[in-house]
Amino acid sequence: MYKKNIGPRIDDEVYDSYKLIPAFKSSNAGVEYAMDVFPLLYRKTLFEMKGIFLYNELKLIIKVVIKQNLDLRTAGQYLLTSLSTAIEIDSLHKKYSVDPDSLMEKVDKLIAYQKACLELWAWGWQKTDDMDGYVRSLSLD
């Protein structure tokens, strides 16, 4: 298979961390593997999360996530805190008619990688002309 030559930039620390993974004979091999596998893992993770959240819960998640910057150092780590703040301080659960305890419980059960994928998904709505369809593609209802 032809491999497209691209030039992403990563921090030295990240690059060197691939040396710690015995499966890769070099950092380059590790980075290439990660780049190849991520889209598949992202889609698989979203598929596994389909039907966990209600439509309005996902809309609330989008509202909260788009106020944050995507940061690879904190990916998936602050979603629960951000949602909690939006609910407790801003009362967004009322605007979206969401049961806050149910939403928080669902998000709390996710592992960090799932939360990071959910954050990326939430950012992705900006690239669609059909927000309703975009949200429904992941929602339970």
N, C-alpha and C. Protein backbone atom coordinates (compact mmCIF):
# COMPACT_ATOMS: atom_id res chain seq x y z
N MET A 1 0.84 -1.17 0.00
CA MET A 1 0.00 0.00 0.00
C MET A 1 0.89 1.24 0.00
N TYR A 2 0.54 2.19 -0.84
CA TYR A 2 1.28 3.45 -0.91
C TYR A 2 1.04 4.25 0.35
N LYS A 3 2.11 4.79 0.90
CA LYS A 3 2.03 5.63 2.09
C LYS A 3 2.27 7.08 1.68
N LYS A 4 1.36 7.94 2.06
CA LYS A 4 1.49 9.37 1.76
C LYS A 4 2.53 9.96 2.69
N ASN A 5 3.45 10.72 2.16
CA ASN A 5 4.49 11.35 2.96
C ASN A 5 3.96 12.66 3.51
N ILE A 6 3.85 12.74 4.83
CA ILE A 6 3.38 13.97 5.47
C ILE A 6 4.42 14.40 6.50
N GLY A 7 4.26 15.57 7.04
CA GLY A 7 5.25 16.07 7.99
C GLY A 7 4.65 16.63 9.26
N PRO A 8 3.93 15.80 10.04
CA PRO A 8 3.40 16.34 11.31
C PRO A 8 4.54 16.63 12.28
N ARG A 9 4.28 17.56 13.17
CA ARG A 9 5.28 17.90 14.18
C ARG A 9 4.76 17.44 15.54
N ILE A 10 5.64 16.83 16.32
CA ILE A 10 5.28 16.43 17.68
C ILE A 10 6.42 16.84 18.62
N ASP A 11 6.11 16.96 19.88
CA ASP A 11 7.10 17.30 20.88
C ASP A 11 8.15 16.20 20.99
N ASP A 12 9.37 16.58 21.33
CA ASP A 12 10.44 15.61 21.53
C ASP A 12 10.05 14.56 22.56
N GLU A 13 9.40 15.00 23.63
CA GLU A 13 9.00 14.09 24.71
C GLU A 13 8.05 13.00 24.18
N VAL A 14 7.09 13.41 23.35
CA VAL A 14 6.15 12.46 22.77
C VAL A 14 6.90 11.51 21.83
N TYR A 15 7.74 12.07 21.00
CA TYR A 15 8.52 11.25 20.05
C TYR A 15 9.35 10.21 20.80
N ASP A 16 10.05 10.65 21.84
CA ASP A 16 10.90 9.74 22.61
C ASP A 16 10.09 8.69 23.37
N SER A 17 8.84 9.00 23.70
CA SER A 17 8.03 8.04 24.46
C SER A 17 7.74 6.78 23.66
N TYR A 18 7.78 6.87 22.34
CA TYR A 18 7.55 5.67 21.53
C TYR A 18 8.68 4.65 21.68
N LYS A 19 9.85 5.09 22.09
CA LYS A 19 10.97 4.17 22.36
C LYS A 19 10.66 3.25 23.54
N LEU A 20 9.73 3.67 24.40
CA LEU A 20 9.39 2.89 25.59
C LEU A 20 8.38 1.79 25.29
N ILE A 21 7.88 1.76 24.07
CA ILE A 21 6.90 0.74 23.69
C ILE A 21 7.64 -0.34 22.89
N PRO A 22 7.82 -1.52 23.48
CA PRO A 22 8.64 -2.55 22.86
C PRO A 22 8.17 -3.01 21.47
N ALA A 23 6.90 -2.82 21.15
CA ALA A 23 6.39 -3.29 19.86
C ALA A 23 6.98 -2.52 18.69
N PHE A 24 7.51 -1.34 18.93
CA PHE A 24 8.02 -0.51 17.84
C PHE A 24 9.54 -0.53 17.80
N LYS A 25 10.08 -0.78 16.62
CA LYS A 25 11.53 -0.82 16.50
C LYS A 25 12.16 0.57 16.49
N SER A 26 11.32 1.59 16.28
CA SER A 26 11.81 2.97 16.31
C SER A 26 10.65 3.91 16.67
N SER A 27 11.01 5.11 17.05
CA SER A 27 9.97 6.10 17.32
C SER A 27 9.16 6.39 16.06
N ASN A 28 9.82 6.46 14.91
CA ASN A 28 9.10 6.69 13.66
C ASN A 28 8.05 5.61 13.41
N ALA A 29 8.41 4.36 13.66
CA ALA A 29 7.46 3.27 13.47
C ALA A 29 6.27 3.43 14.41
N GLY A 30 6.51 3.85 15.63
CA GLY A 30 5.43 4.07 16.59
C GLY A 30 4.51 5.20 16.18
N VAL A 31 5.10 6.30 15.74
CA VAL A 31 4.30 7.44 15.30
C VAL A 31 3.46 7.06 14.08
N GLU A 32 4.07 6.36 13.13
CA GLU A 32 3.34 5.95 11.93
C GLU A 32 2.18 5.02 12.30
N TYR A 33 2.42 4.09 13.21
CA TYR A 33 1.36 3.19 13.65
C TYR A 33 0.22 3.98 14.29
N ALA A 34 0.57 4.90 15.18
CA ALA A 34 -0.46 5.69 15.87
C ALA A 34 -1.30 6.49 14.87
N MET A 35 -0.65 7.07 13.89
CA MET A 35 -1.38 7.85 12.89
C MET A 35 -2.29 6.96 12.05
N ASP A 36 -1.84 5.76 11.74
CA ASP A 36 -2.64 4.84 10.93
C ASP A 36 -3.83 4.30 11.72
N VAL A 37 -3.64 4.00 12.99
CA VAL A 37 -4.67 3.31 13.76
C VAL A 37 -5.70 4.27 14.39
N PHE A 38 -5.32 5.52 14.61
CA PHE A 38 -6.23 6.42 15.32
C PHE A 38 -7.61 6.56 14.67
N PRO A 39 -7.71 6.82 13.37
CA PRO A 39 -9.06 6.98 12.79
C PRO A 39 -9.94 5.75 13.00
N LEU A 40 -9.36 4.57 12.91
CA LEU A 40 -10.13 3.34 13.14
C LEU A 40 -10.59 3.25 14.59
N LEU A 41 -9.69 3.52 15.53
CA LEU A 41 -10.05 3.45 16.94
C LEU A 41 -11.09 4.52 17.30
N TYR A 42 -10.98 5.69 16.71
CA TYR A 42 -11.94 6.77 16.95
C TYR A 42 -13.33 6.34 16.48
N ARG A 43 -13.43 5.83 15.25
CA ARG A 43 -14.73 5.40 14.72
C ARG A 43 -15.29 4.23 15.53
N LYS A 44 -14.43 3.30 15.92
CA LYS A 44 -14.87 2.15 16.71
C LYS A 44 -15.38 2.60 18.08
N THR A 45 -14.70 3.55 18.68
CA THR A 45 -15.11 4.07 19.99
C THR A 45 -16.46 4.76 19.90
N LEU A 46 -16.65 5.58 18.87
CA LEU A 46 -17.95 6.23 18.69
C LEU A 46 -19.05 5.19 18.47
N PHE A 47 -18.74 4.15 17.70
CA PHE A 47 -19.71 3.08 17.46
C PHE A 47 -20.10 2.43 18.79
N GLU A 48 -19.13 2.19 19.65
CA GLU A 48 -19.39 1.58 20.95
C GLU A 48 -20.18 2.51 21.87
N MET A 49 -20.04 3.82 21.69
CA MET A 49 -20.76 4.78 22.54
C MET A 49 -22.13 5.14 21.98
N LYS A 50 -22.43 4.70 20.77
CA LYS A 50 -23.73 5.02 20.17
C LYS A 50 -24.85 4.49 21.07
N GLY A 51 -25.78 5.37 21.39
CA GLY A 51 -26.91 4.97 22.21
C GLY A 51 -26.73 5.12 23.71
N ILE A 52 -25.59 5.60 24.13
CA ILE A 52 -25.37 5.83 25.57
C ILE A 52 -26.08 7.11 26.01
N PHE A 53 -25.96 8.14 25.18
CA PHE A 53 -26.46 9.46 25.54
C PHE A 53 -27.73 9.81 24.79
N LEU A 54 -28.61 10.55 25.46
CA LEU A 54 -29.81 11.08 24.82
C LEU A 54 -29.43 12.28 23.96
N TYR A 55 -30.28 12.61 23.02
CA TYR A 55 -30.06 13.71 22.09
C TYR A 55 -29.71 15.01 22.83
N ASN A 56 -30.50 15.40 23.80
CA ASN A 56 -30.25 16.66 24.52
C ASN A 56 -28.99 16.61 25.37
N GLU A 57 -28.64 15.43 25.85
CA GLU A 57 -27.38 15.29 26.59
C GLU A 57 -26.20 15.58 25.66
N LEU A 58 -26.27 15.07 24.46
CA LEU A 58 -25.20 15.30 23.49
C LEU A 58 -25.12 16.77 23.09
N LYS A 59 -26.26 17.42 22.96
CA LYS A 59 -26.26 18.85 22.62
C LYS A 59 -25.61 19.64 23.76
N LEU A 60 -25.90 19.27 25.00
CA LEU A 60 -25.27 19.94 26.14
C LEU A 60 -23.76 19.69 26.13
N ILE A 61 -23.35 18.47 25.85
CA ILE A 61 -21.93 18.14 25.78
C ILE A 61 -21.24 19.00 24.71
N ILE A 62 -21.87 19.14 23.55
CA ILE A 62 -21.31 19.99 22.50
C ILE A 62 -21.14 21.41 23.01
N LYS A 63 -22.17 21.94 23.62
CA LYS A 63 -22.14 23.31 24.14
C LYS A 63 -20.97 23.52 25.10
N VAL A 64 -20.74 22.54 25.96
CA VAL A 64 -19.66 22.65 26.94
C VAL A 64 -18.29 22.49 26.28
N VAL A 65 -18.16 21.51 25.42
CA VAL A 65 -16.86 21.21 24.81
C VAL A 65 -16.38 22.33 23.89
N ILE A 66 -17.28 22.95 23.15
CA ILE A 66 -16.82 23.98 22.21
C ILE A 66 -16.33 25.24 22.93
N LYS A 67 -16.57 25.34 24.22
CA LYS A 67 -16.04 26.46 24.99
C LYS A 67 -14.59 26.19 25.43
N GLN A 68 -14.15 24.97 25.26
CA GLN A 68 -12.79 24.57 25.64
C GLN A 68 -11.93 24.48 24.38
N ASN A 69 -10.65 24.59 24.55
CA ASN A 69 -9.73 24.30 23.45
C ASN A 69 -9.39 22.83 23.49
N LEU A 70 -9.18 22.25 22.32
CA LEU A 70 -8.69 20.88 22.29
C LEU A 70 -7.22 20.91 22.68
N ASP A 71 -6.86 20.15 23.68
CA ASP A 71 -5.49 20.12 24.17
C ASP A 71 -5.09 18.67 24.38
N LEU A 72 -4.11 18.23 23.64
CA LEU A 72 -3.72 16.82 23.72
C LEU A 72 -3.22 16.42 25.10
N ARG A 73 -2.75 17.37 25.87
CA ARG A 73 -2.25 17.03 27.22
C ARG A 73 -3.38 16.78 28.20
N THR A 74 -4.58 17.29 27.91
CA THR A 74 -5.69 17.13 28.85
C THR A 74 -6.88 16.41 28.21
N ALA A 75 -6.68 15.84 27.05
CA ALA A 75 -7.78 15.19 26.32
C ALA A 75 -8.51 14.18 27.21
N GLY A 76 -9.82 14.39 27.35
CA GLY A 76 -10.66 13.47 28.10
C GLY A 76 -10.58 13.59 29.61
N GLN A 77 -9.71 14.43 30.11
CA GLN A 77 -9.49 14.48 31.55
C GLN A 77 -10.39 15.46 32.29
N TYR A 78 -10.92 16.46 31.58
CA TYR A 78 -11.68 17.49 32.27
C TYR A 78 -13.13 17.59 31.80
N LEU A 79 -13.57 16.64 30.99
CA LEU A 79 -14.94 16.69 30.50
C LEU A 79 -15.93 16.64 31.65
N LEU A 80 -15.73 15.74 32.58
CA LEU A 80 -16.63 15.60 33.72
C LEU A 80 -16.67 16.89 34.55
N THR A 81 -15.52 17.48 34.80
CA THR A 81 -15.44 18.72 35.56
C THR A 81 -16.13 19.86 34.81
N SER A 82 -15.89 19.94 33.52
CA SER A 82 -16.50 21.00 32.71
C SER A 82 -18.02 20.87 32.69
N LEU A 83 -18.50 19.65 32.56
CA LEU A 83 -19.95 19.42 32.58
C LEU A 83 -20.53 19.76 33.94
N SER A 84 -19.84 19.37 34.98
CA SER A 84 -20.29 19.67 36.34
C SER A 84 -20.42 21.17 36.55
N THR A 85 -19.44 21.91 36.11
CA THR A 85 -19.48 23.36 36.23
C THR A 85 -20.64 23.95 35.43
N ALA A 86 -20.82 23.47 34.21
CA ALA A 86 -21.91 23.96 33.36
C ALA A 86 -23.27 23.68 33.97
N ILE A 87 -23.37 22.59 34.68
CA ILE A 87 -24.64 22.23 35.32
C ILE A 87 -24.83 23.01 36.62
N GLU A 88 -23.83 23.00 37.47
CA GLU A 88 -23.96 23.63 38.79
C GLU A 88 -23.96 25.16 38.74
N ILE A 89 -23.12 25.73 37.90
CA ILE A 89 -22.98 27.18 37.86
C ILE A 89 -23.90 27.82 36.82
N ASP A 90 -23.93 27.23 35.63
CA ASP A 90 -24.69 27.83 34.52
C ASP A 90 -26.09 27.24 34.33
N SER A 91 -26.39 26.19 35.07
CA SER A 91 -27.70 25.51 34.97
C SER A 91 -28.06 25.11 33.54
N LEU A 92 -27.06 24.68 32.77
CA LEU A 92 -27.32 24.29 31.38
C LEU A 92 -28.24 23.08 31.26
N HIS A 93 -28.28 22.26 32.30
CA HIS A 93 -29.17 21.09 32.26
C HIS A 93 -30.62 21.52 32.11
N LYS A 94 -30.96 22.67 32.65
CA LYS A 94 -32.34 23.17 32.53
C LYS A 94 -32.62 23.61 31.10
N LYS A 95 -31.68 24.32 30.50
CA LYS A 95 -31.85 24.79 29.13
C LYS A 95 -32.04 23.62 28.16
N TYR A 96 -31.32 22.53 28.41
CA TYR A 96 -31.38 21.37 27.51
C TYR A 96 -32.31 20.26 28.02
N SER A 97 -33.00 20.51 29.10
CA SER A 97 -33.93 19.52 29.69
C SER A 97 -33.24 18.17 29.90
N VAL A 98 -32.15 18.22 30.62
CA VAL A 98 -31.33 17.03 30.86
C VAL A 98 -31.32 16.73 32.36
N ASP A 99 -31.41 15.45 32.70
CA ASP A 99 -31.27 15.01 34.09
C ASP A 99 -29.77 15.05 34.41
N PRO A 100 -29.33 15.99 35.23
CA PRO A 100 -27.89 16.15 35.46
C PRO A 100 -27.22 14.93 36.09
N ASP A 101 -27.91 14.27 37.00
CA ASP A 101 -27.31 13.09 37.65
C ASP A 101 -27.10 11.96 36.65
N SER A 102 -28.06 11.75 35.78
CA SER A 102 -27.95 10.71 34.77
C SER A 102 -26.80 11.00 33.81
N LEU A 103 -26.71 12.23 33.35
CA LEU A 103 -25.63 12.61 32.44
C LEU A 103 -24.27 12.43 33.10
N MET A 104 -24.12 12.92 34.31
CA MET A 104 -22.84 12.83 35.00
C MET A 104 -22.44 11.37 35.24
N GLU A 105 -23.42 10.54 35.56
CA GLU A 105 -23.14 9.12 35.77
C GLU A 105 -22.65 8.46 34.48
N LYS A 106 -23.27 8.79 33.37
CA LYS A 106 -22.87 8.22 32.07
C LYS A 106 -21.45 8.64 31.71
N VAL A 107 -21.15 9.92 31.87
CA VAL A 107 -19.82 10.41 31.52
C VAL A 107 -18.77 9.84 32.46
N ASP A 108 -19.13 9.72 33.73
CA ASP A 108 -18.19 9.18 34.72
C ASP A 108 -17.80 7.73 34.42
N LYS A 109 -18.68 6.99 33.79
CA LYS A 109 -18.40 5.58 33.46
C LYS A 109 -17.46 5.43 32.27
N LEU A 110 -17.29 6.49 31.48
CA LEU A 110 -16.41 6.42 30.32
C LEU A 110 -14.95 6.44 30.76
N ILE A 111 -14.11 5.73 30.02
CA ILE A 111 -12.67 5.83 30.27
C ILE A 111 -12.16 7.10 29.57
N ALA A 112 -10.96 7.51 29.92
CA ALA A 112 -10.40 8.77 29.41
C ALA A 112 -10.38 8.79 27.88
N TYR A 113 -10.04 7.68 27.24
CA TYR A 113 -9.99 7.65 25.77
C TYR A 113 -11.38 7.90 25.17
N GLN A 114 -12.41 7.30 25.77
CA GLN A 114 -13.77 7.53 25.28
C GLN A 114 -14.16 9.00 25.44
N LYS A 115 -13.79 9.59 26.57
CA LYS A 115 -14.09 11.00 26.80
C LYS A 115 -13.37 11.87 25.78
N ALA A 116 -12.12 11.54 25.48
CA ALA A 116 -11.36 12.30 24.48
C ALA A 116 -12.02 12.18 23.11
N CYS A 117 -12.47 11.00 22.75
CA CYS A 117 -13.17 10.82 21.47
C CYS A 117 -14.48 11.58 21.46
N LEU A 118 -15.17 11.60 22.57
CA LEU A 118 -16.43 12.36 22.66
C LEU A 118 -16.16 13.86 22.50
N GLU A 119 -15.06 14.34 23.05
CA GLU A 119 -14.69 15.74 22.87
C GLU A 119 -14.41 16.03 21.40
N LEU A 120 -13.67 15.17 20.74
CA LEU A 120 -13.40 15.35 19.30
C LEU A 120 -14.69 15.32 18.50
N TRP A 121 -15.55 14.38 18.83
CA TRP A 121 -16.85 14.29 18.15
C TRP A 121 -17.62 15.60 18.34
N ALA A 122 -17.62 16.13 19.56
CA ALA A 122 -18.35 17.37 19.84
C ALA A 122 -17.82 18.53 19.00
N TRP A 123 -16.53 18.58 18.80
CA TRP A 123 -15.94 19.62 17.95
C TRP A 123 -16.33 19.41 16.49
N GLY A 124 -16.55 18.18 16.10
CA GLY A 124 -16.82 17.85 14.71
C GLY A 124 -18.13 18.37 14.16
N TRP A 125 -19.09 18.70 15.01
CA TRP A 125 -20.38 19.18 14.51
C TRP A 125 -20.22 20.44 13.67
N GLN A 126 -19.13 21.17 13.90
CA GLN A 126 -18.91 22.42 13.17
C GLN A 126 -18.64 22.19 11.68
N LYS A 127 -18.33 20.96 11.32
CA LYS A 127 -18.03 20.64 9.92
C LYS A 127 -19.23 20.02 9.20
N THR A 128 -20.39 20.11 9.79
CA THR A 128 -21.57 19.54 9.15
C THR A 128 -22.63 20.62 8.94
N ASP A 129 -23.43 20.39 7.93
CA ASP A 129 -24.56 21.28 7.67
C ASP A 129 -25.82 20.80 8.37
N ASP A 130 -25.74 19.59 8.95
CA ASP A 130 -26.92 18.97 9.56
C ASP A 130 -26.60 18.59 11.01
N MET A 131 -26.68 19.58 11.90
CA MET A 131 -26.36 19.31 13.30
C MET A 131 -27.32 18.29 13.89
N ASP A 132 -28.59 18.39 13.55
CA ASP A 132 -29.58 17.45 14.08
C ASP A 132 -29.20 16.01 13.70
N GLY A 133 -28.88 15.78 12.45
CA GLY A 133 -28.49 14.44 12.01
C GLY A 133 -27.18 13.99 12.64
N TYR A 134 -26.27 14.93 12.78
CA TYR A 134 -24.97 14.63 13.40
C TYR A 134 -25.17 14.13 14.83
N VAL A 135 -25.98 14.84 15.60
CA VAL A 135 -26.22 14.45 16.99
C VAL A 135 -27.02 13.15 17.04
N ARG A 136 -28.02 13.02 16.21
CA ARG A 136 -28.84 11.80 16.22
C ARG A 136 -28.04 10.56 15.85
N SER A 137 -26.97 10.73 15.09
CA SER A 137 -26.16 9.57 14.70
C SER A 137 -25.47 8.92 15.89
N LEU A 138 -25.39 9.62 17.01
CA LEU A 138 -24.77 9.07 18.20
C LEU A 138 -25.76 8.89 19.36
N SER A 139 -26.93 9.49 19.22
CA SER A 139 -27.86 9.51 20.36
C SER A 139 -28.71 8.25 20.48
N LEU A 140 -29.24 8.06 21.68
CA LEU A 140 -30.14 6.95 21.99
C LEU A 140 -31.52 7.19 21.43
N ASP A 141 -31.99 8.43 21.47
CA ASP A 141 -33.34 8.75 21.01
C ASP A 141 -33.35 9.50 19.69
